Amino acid sequence: MPLYGYRCEECECQFDRLLGVSVRDQPISEPCPECGENGVKKLIDVCTMGVDANMTPNKRTGGDWNRLMDKVKQSTPKRLHGNLDKVSDNTGRKFGPQ
């Protein structure tokens, strides 16, 4: 489900809600979690998509990523191998809204 941002027009508190796409254009029925007022408006978010936090380059390529990195390491100075290993271990956790 997509994550939508809301702001209270009374106290300017901002909060998020996970809602189904089928109700995205309907006004939110709950009051502000801070002040309890009903003047809550939907914000326009830059990005509401998620990623698989467990997906690594190697998982995505079925093991081909590590084989490619081994070939790259053969023609790369050893001082850079640590950086290549870090890239291989990256997951989707750093992408999207935090």
PDB file of N, CA and C in Angstrom:
ATOM      1  N   MET A   1       0.834  -1.186   0.000  1.00  0.00           N
ATOM      2  CA  MET A   1       0.000   0.000   0.000  1.00  0.00           C
ATOM      3  C   MET A   1       0.876   1.246   0.000  1.00  0.00           C
ATOM      4  N   PRO A   2       0.454   2.264  -0.713  1.00  0.00           N
ATOM      5  CA  PRO A   2       1.221   3.517  -0.758  1.00  0.00           C
ATOM      6  C   PRO A   2       1.141   4.290   0.561  1.00  0.00           C
ATOM      7  N   LEU A   3       2.164   5.061   0.815  1.00  0.00           N
ATOM      8  CA  LEU A   3       2.249   5.918   1.994  1.00  0.00           C
ATOM      9  C   LEU A   3       1.875   7.334   1.580  1.00  0.00           C
ATOM     10  N   TYR A   4       0.892   7.922   2.269  1.00  0.00           N
ATOM     11  CA  TYR A   4       0.438   9.274   1.956  1.00  0.00           C
ATOM     12  C   TYR A   4       0.705  10.192   3.141  1.00  0.00           C
ATOM     13  N   GLY A   5       1.119  11.420   2.861  1.00  0.00           N
ATOM     14  CA  GLY A   5       1.401  12.403   3.891  1.00  0.00           C
ATOM     15  C   GLY A   5       0.230  13.351   4.079  1.00  0.00           C
ATOM     16  N   TYR A   6       0.000  13.760   5.341  1.00  0.00           N
ATOM     17  CA  TYR A   6      -1.093  14.672   5.682  1.00  0.00           C
ATOM     18  C   TYR A   6      -0.565  15.769   6.603  1.00  0.00           C
ATOM     19  N   ARG A   7      -1.263  16.907   6.591  1.00  0.00           N
ATOM     20  CA  ARG A   7      -0.908  18.031   7.462  1.00  0.00           C
ATOM     21  C   ARG A   7      -2.177  18.630   8.044  1.00  0.00           C
ATOM     22  N   CYS A   8      -2.132  18.922   9.344  1.00  0.00           N
ATOM     23  CA  CYS A   8      -3.248  19.556  10.025  1.00  0.00           C
ATOM     24  C   CYS A   8      -3.177  21.060   9.760  1.00  0.00           C
ATOM     25  N   GLU A   9      -4.272  21.642   9.323  1.00  0.00           N
ATOM     26  CA  GLU A   9      -4.291  23.078   9.050  1.00  0.00           C
ATOM     27  C   GLU A   9      -4.355  23.906  10.328  1.00  0.00           C
ATOM     28  N   GLU A  10      -4.709  23.278  11.436  1.00  0.00           N
ATOM     29  CA  GLU A  10      -4.809  23.990  12.707  1.00  0.00           C
ATOM     30  C   GLU A  10      -3.445  24.112  13.392  1.00  0.00           C
ATOM     31  N   CYS A  11      -2.769  22.967  13.617  1.00  0.00           N
ATOM     32  CA  CYS A  11      -1.494  22.984  14.355  1.00  0.00           C
ATOM     33  C   CYS A  11      -0.280  22.702  13.471  1.00  0.00           C
ATOM     34  N   GLU A  12      -0.507  22.414  12.159  1.00  0.00           N
ATOM     35  CA  GLU A  12       0.535  22.146  11.170  1.00  0.00           C
ATOM     36  C   GLU A  12       1.326  20.865  11.438  1.00  0.00           C
ATOM     37  N   CYS A  13       0.775  19.974  12.227  1.00  0.00           N
ATOM     38  CA  CYS A  13       1.380  18.658  12.454  1.00  0.00           C
ATOM     39  C   CYS A  13       1.341  17.871  11.143  1.00  0.00           C
ATOM     40  N   GLN A  14       2.446  17.207  10.810  1.00  0.00           N
ATOM     41  CA  GLN A  14       2.484  16.368   9.611  1.00  0.00           C
ATOM     42  C   GLN A  14       2.589  14.913  10.035  1.00  0.00           C
ATOM     43  N   PHE A  15       1.851  14.031   9.337  1.00  0.00           N
ATOM     44  CA  PHE A  15       1.883  12.609   9.641  1.00  0.00           C
ATOM     45  C   PHE A  15       1.592  11.813   8.375  1.00  0.00           C
ATOM     46  N   ASP A  16       1.911  10.527   8.406  1.00  0.00           N
ATOM     47  CA  ASP A  16       1.742   9.636   7.257  1.00  0.00           C
ATOM     48  C   ASP A  16       0.737   8.545   7.570  1.00  0.00           C
ATOM     49  N   ARG A  17       0.085   8.058   6.517  1.00  0.00           N
ATOM     50  CA  ARG A  17      -0.835   6.933   6.631  1.00  0.00           C
ATOM     51  C   ARG A  17      -0.655   6.018   5.431  1.00  0.00           C
ATOM     52  N   LEU A  18      -0.706   4.704   5.672  1.00  0.00           N
ATOM     53  CA  LEU A  18      -0.723   3.719   4.595  1.00  0.00           C
ATOM     54  C   LEU A  18      -2.174   3.522   4.187  1.00  0.00           C
ATOM     55  N   LEU A  19      -2.478   3.809   2.943  1.00  0.00           N
ATOM     56  CA  LEU A  19      -3.850   3.690   2.449  1.00  0.00           C
ATOM     57  C   LEU A  19      -3.858   2.973   1.111  1.00  0.00           C
ATOM     58  N   GLY A  20      -4.927   2.290   0.841  1.00  0.00           N
ATOM     59  CA  GLY A  20      -5.087   1.648  -0.453  1.00  0.00           C
ATOM     60  C   GLY A  20      -5.270   2.683  -1.554  1.00  0.00           C
ATOM     61  N   VAL A  21      -4.877   2.332  -2.754  1.00  0.00           N
ATOM     62  CA  VAL A  21      -4.979   3.241  -3.894  1.00  0.00           C
ATOM     63  C   VAL A  21      -6.437   3.613  -4.160  1.00  0.00           C
ATOM     64  N   SER A  22      -7.354   2.720  -3.857  1.00  0.00           N
ATOM     65  CA  SER A  22      -8.770   2.972  -4.140  1.00  0.00           C
ATOM     66  C   SER A  22      -9.346   4.121  -3.299  1.00  0.00           C
ATOM     67  N   VAL A  23      -8.719   4.475  -2.184  1.00  0.00           N
ATOM     68  CA  VAL A  23      -9.226   5.557  -1.327  1.00  0.00           C
ATOM     69  C   VAL A  23      -8.313   6.783  -1.313  1.00  0.00           C
ATOM     70  N   ARG A  24      -7.351   6.823  -2.209  1.00  0.00           N
ATOM     71  CA  ARG A  24      -6.359   7.906  -2.181  1.00  0.00           C
ATOM     72  C   ARG A  24      -6.947   9.290  -2.423  1.00  0.00           C
ATOM     73  N   ASP A  25      -8.048   9.387  -3.160  1.00  0.00           N
ATOM     74  CA  ASP A  25      -8.637  10.691  -3.460  1.00  0.00           C
ATOM     75  C   ASP A  25      -9.738  11.091  -2.485  1.00  0.00           C
ATOM     76  N   GLN A  26     -10.067  10.226  -1.554  1.00  0.00           N
ATOM     77  CA  GLN A  26     -11.100  10.540  -0.570  1.00  0.00           C
ATOM     78  C   GLN A  26     -10.476  11.325   0.595  1.00  0.00           C
ATOM     79  N   PRO A  27     -11.233  12.240   1.181  1.00  0.00           N
ATOM     80  CA  PRO A  27     -10.709  12.970   2.346  1.00  0.00           C
ATOM     81  C   PRO A  27     -10.464  11.996   3.501  1.00  0.00           C
ATOM     82  N   ILE A  28      -9.453  12.272   4.280  1.00  0.00           N
ATOM     83  CA  ILE A  28      -9.153  11.418   5.425  1.00  0.00           C
ATOM     84  C   ILE A  28     -10.230  11.641   6.493  1.00  0.00           C
ATOM     85  N   SER A  29     -10.691  10.567   7.102  1.00  0.00           N
ATOM     86  CA  SER A  29     -11.791  10.673   8.057  1.00  0.00           C
ATOM     87  C   SER A  29     -11.314  10.816   9.502  1.00  0.00           C
ATOM     88  N   GLU A  30     -10.040  10.614   9.744  1.00  0.00           N
ATOM     89  CA  GLU A  30      -9.558  10.698  11.126  1.00  0.00           C
ATOM     90  C   GLU A  30      -9.052  12.102  11.460  1.00  0.00           C
ATOM     91  N   PRO A  31      -9.118  12.480  12.721  1.00  0.00           N
ATOM     92  CA  PRO A  31      -8.638  13.803  13.122  1.00  0.00           C
ATOM     93  C   PRO A  31      -7.114  13.825  13.253  1.00  0.00           C
ATOM     94  N   CYS A  32      -6.575  15.005  13.443  1.00  0.00           N
ATOM     95  CA  CYS A  32      -5.142  15.190  13.646  1.00  0.00           C
ATOM     96  C   CYS A  32      -4.695  14.426  14.905  1.00  0.00           C
ATOM     97  N   PRO A  33      -3.596  13.667  14.822  1.00  0.00           N
ATOM     98  CA  PRO A  33      -3.136  12.929  16.001  1.00  0.00           C
ATOM     99  C   PRO A  33      -2.585  13.838  17.104  1.00  0.00           C
ATOM    100  N   GLU A  34      -2.243  15.088  16.787  1.00  0.00           N
ATOM    101  CA  GLU A  34      -1.698  16.028  17.782  1.00  0.00           C
ATOM    102  C   GLU A  34      -2.797  16.789  18.515  1.00  0.00           C
ATOM    103  N   CYS A  35      -3.644  17.481  17.744  1.00  0.00           N
ATOM    104  CA  CYS A  35      -4.620  18.385  18.380  1.00  0.00           C
ATOM    105  C   CYS A  35      -6.060  17.883  18.319  1.00  0.00           C
ATOM    106  N   GLY A  36      -6.321  16.852  17.512  1.00  0.00           N
ATOM    107  CA  GLY A  36      -7.661  16.284  17.442  1.00  0.00           C
ATOM    108  C   GLY A  36      -8.618  17.010  16.500  1.00  0.00           C
ATOM    109  N   GLU A  37      -8.157  18.052  15.821  1.00  0.00           N
ATOM    110  CA  GLU A  37      -9.012  18.789  14.885  1.00  0.00           C
ATOM    111  C   GLU A  37      -9.216  17.986  13.599  1.00  0.00           C
ATOM    112  N   ASN A  38     -10.285  18.303  12.878  1.00  0.00           N
ATOM    113  CA  ASN A  38     -10.602  17.588  11.641  1.00  0.00           C
ATOM    114  C   ASN A  38     -10.082  18.277  10.382  1.00  0.00           C
ATOM    115  N   GLY A  39      -9.406  19.395  10.495  1.00  0.00           N
ATOM    116  CA  GLY A  39      -8.905  20.117   9.323  1.00  0.00           C
ATOM    117  C   GLY A  39      -7.613  19.545   8.789  1.00  0.00           C
ATOM    118  N   VAL A  40      -7.657  18.309   8.310  1.00  0.00           N
ATOM    119  CA  VAL A  40      -6.460  17.612   7.830  1.00  0.00           C
ATOM    120  C   VAL A  40      -6.500  17.561   6.311  1.00  0.00           C
ATOM    121  N   LYS A  41      -5.403  17.941   5.673  1.00  0.00           N
ATOM    122  CA  LYS A  41      -5.307  17.944   4.205  1.00  0.00           C
ATOM    123  C   LYS A  41      -4.175  17.040   3.747  1.00  0.00           C
ATOM    124  N   LYS A  42      -4.366  16.433   2.601  1.00  0.00           N
ATOM    125  CA  LYS A  42      -3.353  15.559   2.013  1.00  0.00           C
ATOM    126  C   LYS A  42      -2.232  16.397   1.409  1.00  0.00           C
ATOM    127  N   LEU A  43      -0.995  15.958   1.612  1.00  0.00           N
ATOM    128  CA  LEU A  43       0.175  16.616   1.018  1.00  0.00           C
ATOM    129  C   LEU A  43       0.508  15.952  -0.307  1.00  0.00           C
ATOM    130  N   ILE A  44       1.245  16.645  -1.124  1.00  0.00           N
ATOM    131  CA  ILE A  44       1.754  16.058  -2.364  1.00  0.00           C
ATOM    132  C   ILE A  44       3.148  15.545  -2.067  1.00  0.00           C
ATOM    133  N   ASP A  45       3.320  14.229  -2.147  1.00  0.00           N
ATOM    134  CA  ASP A  45       4.605  13.613  -1.845  1.00  0.00           C
ATOM    135  C   ASP A  45       5.443  13.475  -3.103  1.00  0.00           C
ATOM    136  N   VAL A  46       6.761  13.580  -2.916  1.00  0.00           N
ATOM    137  CA  VAL A  46       7.682  13.437  -4.030  1.00  0.00           C
ATOM    138  C   VAL A  46       7.783  11.975  -4.450  1.00  0.00           C
ATOM    139  N   CYS A  47       7.898  11.103  -3.472  1.00  0.00           N
ATOM    140  CA  CYS A  47       8.076   9.686  -3.775  1.00  0.00           C
ATOM    141  C   CYS A  47       7.330   8.858  -2.746  1.00  0.00           C
ATOM    142  N   THR A  48       6.508   7.935  -3.194  1.00  0.00           N
ATOM    143  CA  THR A  48       5.786   7.071  -2.270  1.00  0.00           C
ATOM    144  C   THR A  48       6.023   5.600  -2.594  1.00  0.00           C
ATOM    145  N   MET A  49       7.038   5.292  -3.367  1.00  0.00           N
ATOM    146  CA  MET A  49       7.284   3.899  -3.688  1.00  0.00           C
ATOM    147  C   MET A  49       8.273   3.292  -2.702  1.00  0.00           C
ATOM    148  N   GLY A  50       8.185   2.014  -2.535  1.00  0.00           N
ATOM    149  CA  GLY A  50       9.083   1.313  -1.631  1.00  0.00           C
ATOM    150  C   GLY A  50      10.031   0.412  -2.397  1.00  0.00           C
ATOM    151  N   VAL A  51      10.969  -0.174  -1.680  1.00  0.00           N
ATOM    152  CA  VAL A  51      11.916  -1.096  -2.288  1.00  0.00           C
ATOM    153  C   VAL A  51      12.050  -2.316  -1.398  1.00  0.00           C
ATOM    154  N   ASP A  52      12.552  -3.384  -1.950  1.00  0.00           N
ATOM    155  CA  ASP A  52      12.826  -4.583  -1.176  1.00  0.00           C
ATOM    156  C   ASP A  52      14.100  -4.348  -0.381  1.00  0.00           C
ATOM    157  N   ALA A  53      13.974  -4.251   0.929  1.00  0.00           N
ATOM    158  CA  ALA A  53      15.120  -3.934   1.780  1.00  0.00           C
ATOM    159  C   ALA A  53      16.135  -5.071   1.835  1.00  0.00           C
ATOM    160  N   ASN A  54      15.773  -6.245   1.389  1.00  0.00           N
ATOM    161  CA  ASN A  54      16.689  -7.385   1.429  1.00  0.00           C
ATOM    162  C   ASN A  54      17.340  -7.678   0.083  1.00  0.00           C
ATOM    163  N   MET A  55      17.002  -6.904  -0.937  1.00  0.00           N
ATOM    164  CA  MET A  55      17.521  -7.179  -2.278  1.00  0.00           C
ATOM    165  C   MET A  55      18.954  -6.649  -2.416  1.00  0.00           C
ATOM    166  N   THR A  56      19.873  -7.530  -2.729  1.00  0.00           N
ATOM    167  CA  THR A  56      21.260  -7.140  -2.978  1.00  0.00           C
ATOM    168  C   THR A  56      21.524  -7.287  -4.477  1.00  0.00           C
ATOM    169  N   PRO A  57      22.592  -6.649  -4.969  1.00  0.00           N
ATOM    170  CA  PRO A  57      22.906  -6.813  -6.398  1.00  0.00           C
ATOM    171  C   PRO A  57      23.093  -8.276  -6.786  1.00  0.00           C
ATOM    172  N   ASN A  58      23.689  -9.055  -5.885  1.00  0.00           N
ATOM    173  CA  ASN A  58      23.931 -10.454  -6.201  1.00  0.00           C
ATOM    174  C   ASN A  58      22.626 -11.245  -6.276  1.00  0.00           C
ATOM    175  N   LYS A  59      21.697 -10.983  -5.377  1.00  0.00           N
ATOM    176  CA  LYS A  59      20.392 -11.655  -5.439  1.00  0.00           C
ATOM    177  C   LYS A  59      19.666 -11.288  -6.725  1.00  0.00           C
ATOM    178  N   ARG A  60      19.732 -10.019  -7.079  1.00  0.00           N
ATOM    179  CA  ARG A  60      19.016  -9.524  -8.258  1.00  0.00           C
ATOM    180  C   ARG A  60      19.518 -10.170  -9.539  1.00  0.00           C
ATOM    181  N   THR A  61      20.818 -10.434  -9.597  1.00  0.00           N
ATOM    182  CA  THR A  61      21.414 -10.977 -10.824  1.00  0.00           C
ATOM    183  C   THR A  61      21.624 -12.482 -10.767  1.00  0.00           C
ATOM    184  N   GLY A  62      21.117 -13.126  -9.724  1.00  0.00           N
ATOM    185  CA  GLY A  62      21.262 -14.580  -9.633  1.00  0.00           C
ATOM    186  C   GLY A  62      22.699 -15.036  -9.451  1.00  0.00           C
ATOM    187  N   GLY A  63      23.529 -14.239  -8.826  1.00  0.00           N
ATOM    188  CA  GLY A  63      24.929 -14.602  -8.569  1.00  0.00           C
ATOM    189  C   GLY A  63      25.916 -14.013  -9.559  1.00  0.00           C
ATOM    190  N   ASP A  64      25.429 -13.430 -10.643  1.00  0.00           N
ATOM    191  CA  ASP A  64      26.323 -12.872 -11.657  1.00  0.00           C
ATOM    192  C   ASP A  64      27.091 -11.647 -11.142  1.00  0.00           C
ATOM    193  N   TRP A  65      26.515 -10.922 -10.188  1.00  0.00           N
ATOM    194  CA  TRP A  65      27.166  -9.708  -9.682  1.00  0.00           C
ATOM    195  C   TRP A  65      28.529 -10.036  -9.064  1.00  0.00           C
ATOM    196  N   ASN A  66      28.591 -11.055  -8.226  1.00  0.00           N
ATOM    197  CA  ASN A  66      29.862 -11.412  -7.592  1.00  0.00           C
ATOM    198  C   ASN A  66      30.900 -11.854  -8.612  1.00  0.00           C
ATOM    199  N   ARG A  67      30.472 -12.598  -9.613  1.00  0.00           N
ATOM    200  CA  ARG A  67      31.413 -13.013 -10.665  1.00  0.00           C
ATOM    201  C   ARG A  67      31.952 -11.797 -11.419  1.00  0.00           C
ATOM    202  N   LEU A  68      31.085 -10.838 -11.700  1.00  0.00           N
ATOM    203  CA  LEU A  68      31.510  -9.617 -12.373  1.00  0.00           C
ATOM    204  C   LEU A  68      32.489  -8.838 -11.496  1.00  0.00           C
ATOM    205  N   MET A  69      32.191  -8.707 -10.205  1.00  0.00           N
ATOM    206  CA  MET A  69      33.070  -7.971  -9.296  1.00  0.00           C
ATOM    207  C   MET A  69      34.434  -8.646  -9.176  1.00  0.00           C
ATOM    208  N   ASP A  70      34.463  -9.975  -9.211  1.00  0.00           N
ATOM    209  CA  ASP A  70      35.749 -10.684  -9.176  1.00  0.00           C
ATOM    210  C   ASP A  70      36.594 -10.333 -10.397  1.00  0.00           C
ATOM    211  N   LYS A  71      35.963 -10.229 -11.559  1.00  0.00           N
ATOM    212  CA  LYS A  71      36.689  -9.834 -12.776  1.00  0.00           C
ATOM    213  C   LYS A  71      37.175  -8.394 -12.675  1.00  0.00           C
ATOM    214  N   VAL A  72      36.332  -7.506 -12.139  1.00  0.00           N
ATOM    215  CA  VAL A  72      36.716  -6.106 -11.993  1.00  0.00           C
ATOM    216  C   VAL A  72      37.899  -5.984 -11.037  1.00  0.00           C
ATOM    217  N   LYS A  73      37.891  -6.759  -9.958  1.00  0.00           N
ATOM    218  CA  LYS A  73      38.979  -6.707  -8.977  1.00  0.00           C
ATOM    219  C   LYS A  73      40.327  -7.110  -9.582  1.00  0.00           C
ATOM    220  N   GLN A  74      40.290  -7.978 -10.591  1.00  0.00           N
ATOM    221  CA  GLN A  74      41.532  -8.419 -11.223  1.00  0.00           C
ATOM    222  C   GLN A  74      42.267  -7.265 -11.899  1.00  0.00           C
ATOM    223  N   SER A  75      41.519  -6.261 -12.345  1.00  0.00           N
ATOM    224  CA  SER A  75      42.153  -5.130 -13.038  1.00  0.00           C
ATOM    225  C   SER A  75      42.044  -3.834 -12.238  1.00  0.00           C
ATOM    226  N   THR A  76      41.779  -3.938 -10.941  1.00  0.00           N
ATOM    227  CA  THR A  76      41.613  -2.764 -10.086  1.00  0.00           C
ATOM    228  C   THR A  76      42.623  -2.832  -8.943  1.00  0.00           C
ATOM    229  N   PRO A  77      43.210  -1.691  -8.548  1.00  0.00           N
ATOM    230  CA  PRO A  77      44.149  -1.706  -7.415  1.00  0.00           C
ATOM    231  C   PRO A  77      43.487  -2.260  -6.151  1.00  0.00           C
ATOM    232  N   LYS A  78      44.258  -2.999  -5.355  1.00  0.00           N
ATOM    233  CA  LYS A  78      43.711  -3.635  -4.151  1.00  0.00           C
ATOM    234  C   LYS A  78      43.131  -2.634  -3.169  1.00  0.00           C
ATOM    235  N   ARG A  79      43.623  -1.412  -3.173  1.00  0.00           N
ATOM    236  CA  ARG A  79      43.111  -0.415  -2.234  1.00  0.00           C
ATOM    237  C   ARG A  79      41.637  -0.077  -2.499  1.00  0.00           C
ATOM    238  N   LEU A  80      41.128  -0.384  -3.690  1.00  0.00           N
ATOM    239  CA  LEU A  80      39.739  -0.105  -4.038  1.00  0.00           C
ATOM    240  C   LEU A  80      38.808  -1.301  -3.833  1.00  0.00           C
ATOM    241  N   HIS A  81      39.357  -2.461  -3.508  1.00  0.00           N
ATOM    242  CA  HIS A  81      38.540  -3.662  -3.381  1.00  0.00           C
ATOM    243  C   HIS A  81      37.496  -3.535  -2.266  1.00  0.00           C
ATOM    244  N   GLY A  82      37.835  -2.836  -1.183  1.00  0.00           N
ATOM    245  CA  GLY A  82      36.880  -2.644  -0.090  1.00  0.00           C
ATOM    246  C   GLY A  82      35.644  -1.893  -0.555  1.00  0.00           C
ATOM    247  N   ASN A  83      35.842  -0.887  -1.398  1.00  0.00           N
ATOM    248  CA  ASN A  83      34.694  -0.131  -1.931  1.00  0.00           C
ATOM    249  C   ASN A  83      33.821  -1.007  -2.815  1.00  0.00           C
ATOM    250  N   LEU A  84      34.449  -1.867  -3.610  1.00  0.00           N
ATOM    251  CA  LEU A  84      33.675  -2.771  -4.460  1.00  0.00           C
ATOM    252  C   LEU A  84      32.867  -3.749  -3.608  1.00  0.00           C
ATOM    253  N   ASP A  85      33.445  -4.205  -2.492  1.00  0.00           N
ATOM    254  CA  ASP A  85      32.722  -5.109  -1.597  1.00  0.00           C
ATOM    255  C   ASP A  85      31.530  -4.410  -0.956  1.00  0.00           C
ATOM    256  N   LYS A  86      31.698  -3.133  -0.594  1.00  0.00           N
ATOM    257  CA  LYS A  86      30.589  -2.385  -0.003  1.00  0.00           C
ATOM    258  C   LYS A  86      29.425  -2.266  -0.979  1.00  0.00           C
ATOM    259  N   VAL A  87      29.729  -2.001  -2.240  1.00  0.00           N
ATOM    260  CA  VAL A  87      28.687  -1.896  -3.262  1.00  0.00           C
ATOM    261  C   VAL A  87      27.954  -3.225  -3.407  1.00  0.00           C
ATOM    262  N   SER A  88      28.685  -4.315  -3.332  1.00  0.00           N
ATOM    263  CA  SER A  88      28.076  -5.636  -3.476  1.00  0.00           C
ATOM    264  C   SER A  88      27.138  -5.959  -2.329  1.00  0.00           C
ATOM    265  N   ASP A  89      27.378  -5.385  -1.158  1.00  0.00           N
ATOM    266  CA  ASP A  89      26.560  -5.675   0.016  1.00  0.00           C
ATOM    267  C   ASP A  89      25.391  -4.714   0.177  1.00  0.00           C
ATOM    268  N   ASN A  90      25.310  -3.674  -0.648  1.00  0.00           N
ATOM    269  CA  ASN A  90      24.225  -2.695  -0.515  1.00  0.00           C
ATOM    270  C   ASN A  90      22.870  -3.346  -0.734  1.00  0.00           C
ATOM    271  N   THR A  91      21.901  -2.873   0.034  1.00  0.00           N
ATOM    272  CA  THR A  91      20.517  -3.302  -0.149  1.00  0.00           C
ATOM    273  C   THR A  91      19.695  -2.060  -0.440  1.00  0.00           C
ATOM    274  N   GLY A  92      18.408  -2.224  -0.632  1.00  0.00           N
ATOM    275  CA  GLY A  92      17.523  -1.112  -0.916  1.00  0.00           C
ATOM    276  C   GLY A  92      17.197  -0.237   0.281  1.00  0.00           C
ATOM    277  N   ARG A  93      17.747  -0.509   1.446  1.00  0.00           N
ATOM    278  CA  ARG A  93      17.374   0.211   2.649  1.00  0.00           C
ATOM    279  C   ARG A  93      17.635   1.699   2.578  1.00  0.00           C
ATOM    280  N   LYS A  94      18.557   2.152   1.756  1.00  0.00           N
ATOM    281  CA  LYS A  94      18.903   3.573   1.738  1.00  0.00           C
ATOM    282  C   LYS A  94      18.134   4.351   0.688  1.00  0.00           C
ATOM    283  N   PHE A  95      17.251   3.714  -0.056  1.00  0.00           N
ATOM    284  CA  PHE A  95      16.524   4.396  -1.114  1.00  0.00           C
ATOM    285  C   PHE A  95      15.128   4.775  -0.637  1.00  0.00           C
ATOM    286  N   GLY A  96      14.598   5.843  -1.216  1.00  0.00           N
ATOM    287  CA  GLY A  96      13.248   6.241  -0.884  1.00  0.00           C
ATOM    288  C   GLY A  96      13.158   7.074   0.379  1.00  0.00           C
ATOM    289  N   PRO A  97      11.959   7.434   0.781  1.00  0.00           N
ATOM    290  CA  PRO A  97      11.796   8.264   1.971  1.00  0.00           C
ATOM    291  C   PRO A  97      12.303   7.538   3.202  1.00  0.00           C
ATOM    292  N   GLN A  98      12.953   8.262   4.087  1.00  0.00           N
ATOM    293  CA  GLN A  98      13.498   7.648   5.308  1.00  0.00           C
ATOM    294  C   GLN A  98      12.658   7.959   6.490  1.00  0.00           C
TER     295      GLN A  98
END
